[in-house]
Amino acid sequence: VEPPTMLTGLEALPALPGNVERMMYLDLMSY
């Protein structure tokens, strides 16, 4: 079973204005 990660709801993501900002945040927190 694949555990939850930042990409799949491990914690709530911030309210960001666009998709690019969201991807940058995910990379900063995981990759």
PDB file of all heavy atoms in Angstrom:
ATOM      1  N   VAL A   1       0.860  -1.183   0.000  1.00  0.00           N
ATOM      2  CA  VAL A   1       0.000   0.000   0.000  1.00  0.00           C
ATOM      3  C   VAL A   1       0.895   1.232   0.000  1.00  0.00           C
ATOM      4  O   VAL A   1       1.772   1.371   0.853  1.00  0.00           O
ATOM      5  CB  VAL A   1      -0.912   0.015   1.241  1.00  0.00           C
ATOM      6  CG1 VAL A   1      -1.753   1.296   1.265  1.00  0.00           C
ATOM      7  CG2 VAL A   1      -1.794  -1.222   1.271  1.00  0.00           C
ATOM      8  N   GLU A   2       0.668   2.126  -0.942  1.00  0.00           N
ATOM      9  CA  GLU A   2       1.493   3.321  -1.043  1.00  0.00           C
ATOM     10  C   GLU A   2       1.069   4.337   0.022  1.00  0.00           C
ATOM     11  O   GLU A   2      -0.068   4.787   0.041  1.00  0.00           O
ATOM     12  CB  GLU A   2       1.352   3.933  -2.435  1.00  0.00           C
ATOM     13  CG  GLU A   2       2.364   5.006  -2.743  1.00  0.00           C
ATOM     14  CD  GLU A   2       2.331   5.427  -4.210  1.00  0.00           C
ATOM     15  OE1 GLU A   2       1.669   4.760  -5.029  1.00  0.00           O
ATOM     16  OE2 GLU A   2       2.971   6.457  -4.518  1.00  0.00           O
ATOM     17  N   PRO A   3       1.967   4.709   0.937  1.00  0.00           N
ATOM     18  CA  PRO A   3       1.598   5.637   2.010  1.00  0.00           C
ATOM     19  C   PRO A   3       1.389   7.053   1.479  1.00  0.00           C
ATOM     20  O   PRO A   3       1.897   7.414   0.415  1.00  0.00           O
ATOM     21  CB  PRO A   3       2.817   5.601   2.956  1.00  0.00           C
ATOM     22  CG  PRO A   3       3.651   4.438   2.516  1.00  0.00           C
ATOM     23  CD  PRO A   3       3.357   4.239   1.063  1.00  0.00           C
ATOM     24  N   PRO A   4       0.663   7.883   2.222  1.00  0.00           N
ATOM     25  CA  PRO A   4       0.458   9.275   1.794  1.00  0.00           C
ATOM     26  C   PRO A   4       1.745  10.085   1.878  1.00  0.00           C
ATOM     27  O   PRO A   4       2.563   9.894   2.777  1.00  0.00           O
ATOM     28  CB  PRO A   4      -0.587   9.800   2.777  1.00  0.00           C
ATOM     29  CG  PRO A   4      -0.454   8.923   3.987  1.00  0.00           C
ATOM     30  CD  PRO A   4      -0.063   7.575   3.466  1.00  0.00           C
ATOM     31  N   THR A   5       1.932  10.987   0.927  1.00  0.00           N
ATOM     32  CA  THR A   5       3.082  11.884   0.904  1.00  0.00           C
ATOM     33  C   THR A   5       2.573  13.312   0.718  1.00  0.00           C
ATOM     34  O   THR A   5       1.368  13.556   0.655  1.00  0.00           O
ATOM     35  CB  THR A   5       4.034  11.534  -0.255  1.00  0.00           C
ATOM     36  OG1 THR A   5       3.363  11.798  -1.504  1.00  0.00           O
ATOM     37  CG2 THR A   5       4.445  10.068  -0.213  1.00  0.00           C
ATOM     38  N   MET A   6       3.511  14.256   0.593  1.00  0.00           N
ATOM     39  CA  MET A   6       3.110  15.637   0.334  1.00  0.00           C
ATOM     40  C   MET A   6       2.292  15.745  -0.946  1.00  0.00           C
ATOM     41  O   MET A   6       1.455  16.636  -1.092  1.00  0.00           O
ATOM     42  CB  MET A   6       4.346  16.526   0.225  1.00  0.00           C
ATOM     43  CG  MET A   6       5.053  16.792   1.531  1.00  0.00           C
ATOM     44  SD  MET A   6       4.027  17.694   2.717  1.00  0.00           S
ATOM     45  CE  MET A   6       3.700  19.207   1.825  1.00  0.00           C
ATOM     46  N   LEU A   7       2.526  14.835  -1.899  1.00  0.00           N
ATOM     47  CA  LEU A   7       1.808  14.869  -3.169  1.00  0.00           C
ATOM     48  C   LEU A   7       0.429  14.240  -3.075  1.00  0.00           C
ATOM     49  O   LEU A   7      -0.378  14.365  -4.000  1.00  0.00           O
ATOM     50  CB  LEU A   7       2.620  14.148  -4.250  1.00  0.00           C
ATOM     51  CG  LEU A   7       3.954  14.788  -4.639  1.00  0.00           C
ATOM     52  CD1 LEU A   7       4.707  13.902  -5.613  1.00  0.00           C
ATOM     53  CD2 LEU A   7       3.744  16.162  -5.228  1.00  0.00           C
ATOM     54  N   THR A   8       0.150  13.538  -1.967  1.00  0.00           N
ATOM     55  CA  THR A   8      -1.130  12.821  -1.863  1.00  0.00           C
ATOM     56  C   THR A   8      -1.811  13.049  -0.526  1.00  0.00           C
ATOM     57  O   THR A   8      -2.445  12.156   0.018  1.00  0.00           O
ATOM     58  CB  THR A   8      -0.940  11.315  -2.101  1.00  0.00           C
ATOM     59  OG1 THR A   8       0.054  10.805  -1.179  1.00  0.00           O
ATOM     60  CG2 THR A   8      -0.494  11.030  -3.518  1.00  0.00           C
ATOM     61  N   GLY A   9      -1.649  14.250   0.030  1.00  0.00           N
ATOM     62  CA  GLY A   9      -2.453  14.608   1.183  1.00  0.00           C
ATOM     63  C   GLY A   9      -1.869  14.316   2.547  1.00  0.00           C
ATOM     64  O   GLY A   9      -2.617  14.224   3.532  1.00  0.00           O
ATOM     65  N   LEU A  10      -0.541  14.152   2.664  1.00  0.00           N
ATOM     66  CA  LEU A  10       0.054  13.939   3.987  1.00  0.00           C
ATOM     67  C   LEU A  10      -0.264  15.112   4.907  1.00  0.00           C
ATOM     68  O   LEU A  10      -0.496  14.942   6.101  1.00  0.00           O
ATOM     69  CB  LEU A  10       1.573  13.760   3.864  1.00  0.00           C
ATOM     70  CG  LEU A  10       2.341  13.531   5.166  1.00  0.00           C
ATOM     71  CD1 LEU A  10       1.924  12.211   5.805  1.00  0.00           C
ATOM     72  CD2 LEU A  10       3.847  13.545   4.924  1.00  0.00           C
ATOM     73  N   GLU A  11      -0.257  16.316   4.359  1.00  0.00           N
ATOM     74  CA  GLU A  11      -0.694  17.488   5.115  1.00  0.00           C
ATOM     75  C   GLU A  11      -1.359  18.458   4.151  1.00  0.00           C
ATOM     76  O   GLU A  11      -1.185  18.382   2.935  1.00  0.00           O
ATOM     77  CB  GLU A  11       0.475  18.160   5.833  1.00  0.00           C
ATOM     78  CG  GLU A  11       1.477  18.832   4.922  1.00  0.00           C
ATOM     79  CD  GLU A  11       2.497  19.656   5.700  1.00  0.00           C
ATOM     80  OE1 GLU A  11       2.970  19.198   6.752  1.00  0.00           O
ATOM     81  OE2 GLU A  11       2.827  20.763   5.229  1.00  0.00           O
ATOM     82  N   ALA A  12      -2.144  19.372   4.719  1.00  0.00           N
ATOM     83  CA  ALA A  12      -2.858  20.355   3.895  1.00  0.00           C
ATOM     84  C   ALA A  12      -1.864  21.262   3.182  1.00  0.00           C
ATOM     85  O   ALA A  12      -0.850  21.665   3.747  1.00  0.00           O
ATOM     86  CB  ALA A  12      -3.793  21.171   4.765  1.00  0.00           C
ATOM     87  N   LEU A  13      -2.140  21.549   1.930  1.00  0.00           N
ATOM     88  CA  LEU A  13      -1.286  22.435   1.151  1.00  0.00           C
ATOM     89  C   LEU A  13      -1.761  23.873   1.298  1.00  0.00           C
ATOM     90  O   LEU A  13      -2.939  24.129   1.556  1.00  0.00           O
ATOM     91  CB  LEU A  13      -1.302  22.018  -0.318  1.00  0.00           C
ATOM     92  CG  LEU A  13      -0.778  20.613  -0.623  1.00  0.00           C
ATOM     93  CD1 LEU A  13      -0.853  20.341  -2.125  1.00  0.00           C
ATOM     94  CD2 LEU A  13       0.647  20.435  -0.137  1.00  0.00           C
ATOM     95  N   PRO A  14      -0.873  24.825   1.134  1.00  0.00           N
ATOM     96  CA  PRO A  14      -1.270  26.234   1.264  1.00  0.00           C
ATOM     97  C   PRO A  14      -2.165  26.667   0.116  1.00  0.00           C
ATOM     98  O   PRO A  14      -2.163  26.069  -0.964  1.00  0.00           O
ATOM     99  CB  PRO A  14       0.068  26.971   1.230  1.00  0.00           C
ATOM    100  CG  PRO A  14       0.993  26.072   0.472  1.00  0.00           C
ATOM    101  CD  PRO A  14       0.568  24.678   0.832  1.00  0.00           C
ATOM    102  N   ALA A  15      -2.918  27.703   0.371  1.00  0.00           N
ATOM    103  CA  ALA A  15      -3.736  28.304  -0.686  1.00  0.00           C
ATOM    104  C   ALA A  15      -2.829  29.176  -1.542  1.00  0.00           C
ATOM    105  O   ALA A  15      -2.394  30.235  -1.116  1.00  0.00           O
ATOM    106  CB  ALA A  15      -4.862  29.117  -0.071  1.00  0.00           C
ATOM    107  N   LEU A  16      -2.537  28.713  -2.744  1.00  0.00           N
ATOM    108  CA  LEU A  16      -1.619  29.422  -3.638  1.00  0.00           C
ATOM    109  C   LEU A  16      -2.362  29.827  -4.911  1.00  0.00           C
ATOM    110  O   LEU A  16      -3.332  29.172  -5.308  1.00  0.00           O
ATOM    111  CB  LEU A  16      -0.420  28.535  -3.965  1.00  0.00           C
ATOM    112  CG  LEU A  16       0.470  28.196  -2.761  1.00  0.00           C
ATOM    113  CD1 LEU A  16       1.523  27.163  -3.134  1.00  0.00           C
ATOM    114  CD2 LEU A  16       1.140  29.447  -2.206  1.00  0.00           C
ATOM    115  N   PRO A  17      -1.909  30.888  -5.577  1.00  0.00           N
ATOM    116  CA  PRO A  17      -2.698  31.453  -6.678  1.00  0.00           C
ATOM    117  C   PRO A  17      -2.712  30.642  -7.958  1.00  0.00           C
ATOM    118  O   PRO A  17      -3.593  30.834  -8.792  1.00  0.00           O
ATOM    119  CB  PRO A  17      -2.035  32.818  -6.918  1.00  0.00           C
ATOM    120  CG  PRO A  17      -0.641  32.650  -6.422  1.00  0.00           C
ATOM    121  CD  PRO A  17      -0.733  31.710  -5.263  1.00  0.00           C
ATOM    122  N   GLY A  18      -1.735  29.757  -8.174  1.00  0.00           N
ATOM    123  CA  GLY A  18      -1.691  29.060  -9.451  1.00  0.00           C
ATOM    124  C   GLY A  18      -1.010  27.711  -9.372  1.00  0.00           C
ATOM    125  O   GLY A  18      -0.427  27.334  -8.345  1.00  0.00           O
ATOM    126  N   ASN A  19      -1.061  26.979 -10.477  1.00  0.00           N
ATOM    127  CA  ASN A  19      -0.480  25.638 -10.527  1.00  0.00           C
ATOM    128  C   ASN A  19       1.039  25.645 -10.392  1.00  0.00           C
ATOM    129  O   ASN A  19       1.626  24.771  -9.757  1.00  0.00           O
ATOM    130  CB  ASN A  19      -0.869  24.965 -11.852  1.00  0.00           C
ATOM    131  CG  ASN A  19      -2.351  24.680 -11.944  1.00  0.00           C
ATOM    132  OD1 ASN A  19      -2.993  24.384 -10.943  1.00  0.00           O
ATOM    133  ND2 ASN A  19      -2.904  24.783 -13.146  1.00  0.00           N
ATOM    134  N   VAL A  20       1.694  26.622 -11.009  1.00  0.00           N
ATOM    135  CA  VAL A  20       3.155  26.663 -10.944  1.00  0.00           C
ATOM    136  C   VAL A  20       3.616  26.860  -9.506  1.00  0.00           C
ATOM    137  O   VAL A  20       4.530  26.176  -9.025  1.00  0.00           O
ATOM    138  CB  VAL A  20       3.706  27.785 -11.853  1.00  0.00           C
ATOM    139  CG1 VAL A  20       5.207  27.959 -11.639  1.00  0.00           C
ATOM    140  CG2 VAL A  20       3.423  27.463 -13.315  1.00  0.00           C
ATOM    141  N   GLU A  21       2.990  27.794  -8.787  1.00  0.00           N
ATOM    142  CA  GLU A  21       3.354  28.024  -7.393  1.00  0.00           C
ATOM    143  C   GLU A  21       3.121  26.765  -6.555  1.00  0.00           C
ATOM    144  O   GLU A  21       3.904  26.457  -5.645  1.00  0.00           O
ATOM    145  CB  GLU A  21       2.540  29.179  -6.809  1.00  0.00           C
ATOM    146  CG  GLU A  21       2.872  30.531  -7.423  1.00  0.00           C
ATOM    147  CD  GLU A  21       1.993  30.866  -8.615  1.00  0.00           C
ATOM    148  OE1 GLU A  21       1.429  29.934  -9.232  1.00  0.00           O
ATOM    149  OE2 GLU A  21       1.866  32.056  -8.935  1.00  0.00           O
ATOM    150  N   ARG A  22       2.074  26.028  -6.855  1.00  0.00           N
ATOM    151  CA  ARG A  22       1.764  24.802  -6.117  1.00  0.00           C
ATOM    152  C   ARG A  22       2.840  23.738  -6.368  1.00  0.00           C
ATOM    153  O   ARG A  22       3.286  23.058  -5.446  1.00  0.00           O
ATOM    154  CB  ARG A  22       0.392  24.293  -6.558  1.00  0.00           C
ATOM    155  CG  ARG A  22      -0.236  23.242  -5.653  1.00  0.00           C
ATOM    156  CD  ARG A  22      -1.643  22.956  -6.129  1.00  0.00           C
ATOM    157  NE  ARG A  22      -2.310  21.919  -5.377  1.00  0.00           N
ATOM    158  CZ  ARG A  22      -3.045  22.134  -4.290  1.00  0.00           C
ATOM    159  NH1 ARG A  22      -3.187  23.372  -3.841  1.00  0.00           N
ATOM    160  NH2 ARG A  22      -3.632  21.130  -3.665  1.00  0.00           N
ATOM    161  N   MET A  23       3.275  23.594  -7.620  1.00  0.00           N
ATOM    162  CA  MET A  23       4.317  22.619  -7.942  1.00  0.00           C
ATOM    163  C   MET A  23       5.645  22.998  -7.283  1.00  0.00           C
ATOM    164  O   MET A  23       6.369  22.138  -6.774  1.00  0.00           O
ATOM    165  CB  MET A  23       4.482  22.515  -9.460  1.00  0.00           C
ATOM    166  CG  MET A  23       3.338  21.815 -10.161  1.00  0.00           C
ATOM    167  SD  MET A  23       3.594  21.652 -11.954  1.00  0.00           S
ATOM    168  CE  MET A  23       3.071  23.255 -12.542  1.00  0.00           C
ATOM    169  N   MET A  24       5.971  24.281  -7.296  1.00  0.00           N
ATOM    170  CA  MET A  24       7.201  24.734  -6.643  1.00  0.00           C
ATOM    171  C   MET A  24       7.172  24.404  -5.159  1.00  0.00           C
ATOM    172  O   MET A  24       8.179  23.953  -4.585  1.00  0.00           O
ATOM    173  CB  MET A  24       7.376  26.241  -6.847  1.00  0.00           C
ATOM    174  CG  MET A  24       7.716  26.653  -8.268  1.00  0.00           C
ATOM    175  SD  MET A  24       7.527  28.445  -8.519  1.00  0.00           S
ATOM    176  CE  MET A  24       8.636  29.092  -7.271  1.00  0.00           C
ATOM    177  N   TYR A  25       6.029  24.626  -4.524  1.00  0.00           N
ATOM    178  CA  TYR A  25       5.905  24.339  -3.085  1.00  0.00           C
ATOM    179  C   TYR A  25       6.068  22.848  -2.819  1.00  0.00           C
ATOM    180  O   TYR A  25       6.771  22.448  -1.872  1.00  0.00           O
ATOM    181  CB  TYR A  25       4.548  24.824  -2.579  1.00  0.00           C
ATOM    182  CG  TYR A  25       4.314  24.495  -1.121  1.00  0.00           C
ATOM    183  CD1 TYR A  25       4.831  25.309  -0.114  1.00  0.00           C
ATOM    184  CD2 TYR A  25       3.598  23.365  -0.757  1.00  0.00           C
ATOM    185  CE1 TYR A  25       4.628  25.006   1.220  1.00  0.00           C
ATOM    186  CE2 TYR A  25       3.389  23.049   0.577  1.00  0.00           C
ATOM    187  CZ  TYR A  25       3.908  23.867   1.566  1.00  0.00           C
ATOM    188  OH  TYR A  25       3.718  23.557   2.885  1.00  0.00           O
ATOM    189  N   LEU A  26       5.431  22.015  -3.626  1.00  0.00           N
ATOM    190  CA  LEU A  26       5.545  20.567  -3.435  1.00  0.00           C
ATOM    191  C   LEU A  26       6.995  20.103  -3.573  1.00  0.00           C
ATOM    192  O   LEU A  26       7.463  19.254  -2.806  1.00  0.00           O
ATOM    193  CB  LEU A  26       4.650  19.835  -4.436  1.00  0.00           C
ATOM    194  CG  LEU A  26       3.145  19.915  -4.179  1.00  0.00           C
ATOM    195  CD1 LEU A  26       2.367  19.357  -5.366  1.00  0.00           C
ATOM    196  CD2 LEU A  26       2.771  19.167  -2.898  1.00  0.00           C
ATOM    197  N   ASP A  27       7.716  20.652  -4.537  1.00  0.00           N
ATOM    198  CA  ASP A  27       9.120  20.291  -4.698  1.00  0.00           C
ATOM    199  C   ASP A  27       9.959  20.742  -3.505  1.00  0.00           C
ATOM    200  O   ASP A  27      10.851  20.027  -3.044  1.00  0.00           O
ATOM    201  CB  ASP A  27       9.682  20.907  -5.984  1.00  0.00           C
ATOM    202  CG  ASP A  27       9.362  20.076  -7.213  1.00  0.00           C
ATOM    203  OD1 ASP A  27       8.820  18.958  -7.051  1.00  0.00           O
ATOM    204  OD2 ASP A  27       9.645  20.532  -8.335  1.00  0.00           O
ATOM    205  N   LEU A  28       9.669  21.938  -3.007  1.00  0.00           N
ATOM    206  CA  LEU A  28      10.418  22.459  -1.863  1.00  0.00           C
ATOM    207  C   LEU A  28      10.211  21.593  -0.630  1.00  0.00           C
ATOM    208  O   LEU A  28      11.129  21.424   0.184  1.00  0.00           O
ATOM    209  CB  LEU A  28       9.968  23.896  -1.563  1.00  0.00           C
ATOM    210  CG  LEU A  28      10.698  24.611  -0.426  1.00  0.00           C
ATOM    211  CD1 LEU A  28      12.160  24.880  -0.799  1.00  0.00           C
ATOM    212  CD2 LEU A  28       9.988  25.922  -0.090  1.00  0.00           C
ATOM    213  N   MET A  29       9.038  20.989  -0.505  1.00  0.00           N
ATOM    214  CA  MET A  29       8.707  20.214   0.690  1.00  0.00           C
ATOM    215  C   MET A  29       9.003  18.728   0.571  1.00  0.00           C
ATOM    216  O   MET A  29       8.995  18.026   1.578  1.00  0.00           O
ATOM    217  CB  MET A  29       7.217  20.410   1.022  1.00  0.00           C
ATOM    218  CG  MET A  29       6.860  21.832   1.410  1.00  0.00           C
ATOM    219  SD  MET A  29       7.804  22.392   2.846  1.00  0.00           S
ATOM    220  CE  MET A  29       7.117  21.338   4.109  1.00  0.00           C
ATOM    221  N   SER A  30       9.263  18.231  -0.632  1.00  0.00           N
ATOM    222  CA  SER A  30       9.513  16.794  -0.775  1.00  0.00           C
ATOM    223  C   SER A  30      10.749  16.511  -1.612  1.00  0.00           C
ATOM    224  O   SER A  30      11.721  15.929  -1.129  1.00  0.00           O
ATOM    225  CB  SER A  30       8.288  16.101  -1.384  1.00  0.00           C
ATOM    226  OG  SER A  30       8.476  14.702  -1.408  1.00  0.00           O
ATOM    227  N   TYR A  31      10.742  16.920  -2.866  1.00  0.00           N
ATOM    228  CA  TYR A  31      11.874  16.628  -3.744  1.00  0.00           C
ATOM    229  C   TYR A  31      13.170  17.234  -3.210  1.00  0.00           C
ATOM    230  O   TYR A  31      14.226  16.603  -3.236  1.00  0.00           O
ATOM    231  CB  TYR A  31      11.563  17.164  -5.144  1.00  0.00           C
ATOM    232  CG  TYR A  31      12.674  16.983  -6.153  1.00  0.00           C
ATOM    233  CD1 TYR A  31      13.101  15.709  -6.522  1.00  0.00           C
ATOM    234  CD2 TYR A  31      13.290  18.086  -6.737  1.00  0.00           C
ATOM    235  CE1 TYR A  31      14.130  15.546  -7.449  1.00  0.00           C
ATOM    236  CE2 TYR A  31      14.302  17.935  -7.671  1.00  0.00           C
ATOM    237  CZ  TYR A  31      14.720  16.653  -8.017  1.00  0.00           C
ATOM    238  OH  TYR A  31      15.743  16.498  -8.926  1.00  0.00           O
TER     239      TYR A  31
END
